Each structure stands twice: as C-alpha cells, then as structure tokens.
Amino acid sequence: MEACFICIIIFLFILVLAVLWFKGKRKLVKKIILELVIQAEKIYGSGTGKIKLATVLAQVYKDYPWLTYIEAIVIKWINEAVKYMKNNL
C-alpha cells in the first residue's frame, strides 16, 4: 500500500513538471512566433497573408519540428500574434 502511494506521488510530481515545462515552452514559442510575424510583415508587406503564413510556419517547424503535430494550434498562435501586432505595434 505504501509503495503504491509513493508511486502515485512520483507520477503526480512528474506530471506537474511536464505541464510546467510545456507551459514555459508555449510562452517561448509564442514570443518567437510574434517576432517571425513582425519580420514577415516587414519583408512582404500587406496583402500577402498566405505567403507570410507559409513563411512563419516554415520557420517555426524548422526550429520546432514537434509542433507539426499541433498545426491548428500553431496557426491559432500566429493569428493571435498578428492581432497583437496590429493592436499594439
């Protein structure tokens, strides 16, 4: 019984560490995406949304290939970065 309790505690500790790691990485990736969106806007200008999206996605996947598995979320983050850029820069 005691060994089972210890295993549960260890599992929960590892789970908490994994969640904290992912949240920290997500924040970093979002910052990087914002910078890439700003760069794409400077390079390609307005009216080239598809080109800019493709450019940002290619760079993100180059740096973080594991994000290809969650492409819908990455595109959402890119759109959030675009909105932030338009409202705050």
Foldseek 3Di string as FASTA:
>chain_A
DVVVVVVVVVVVVVVVVVVVVVVVVVVVLLVVLLVLLVVLCVVPNPPPVVVSVVSSVVVSCVVPVVCVVVVVVVVVSNVVSVVCVVVPD
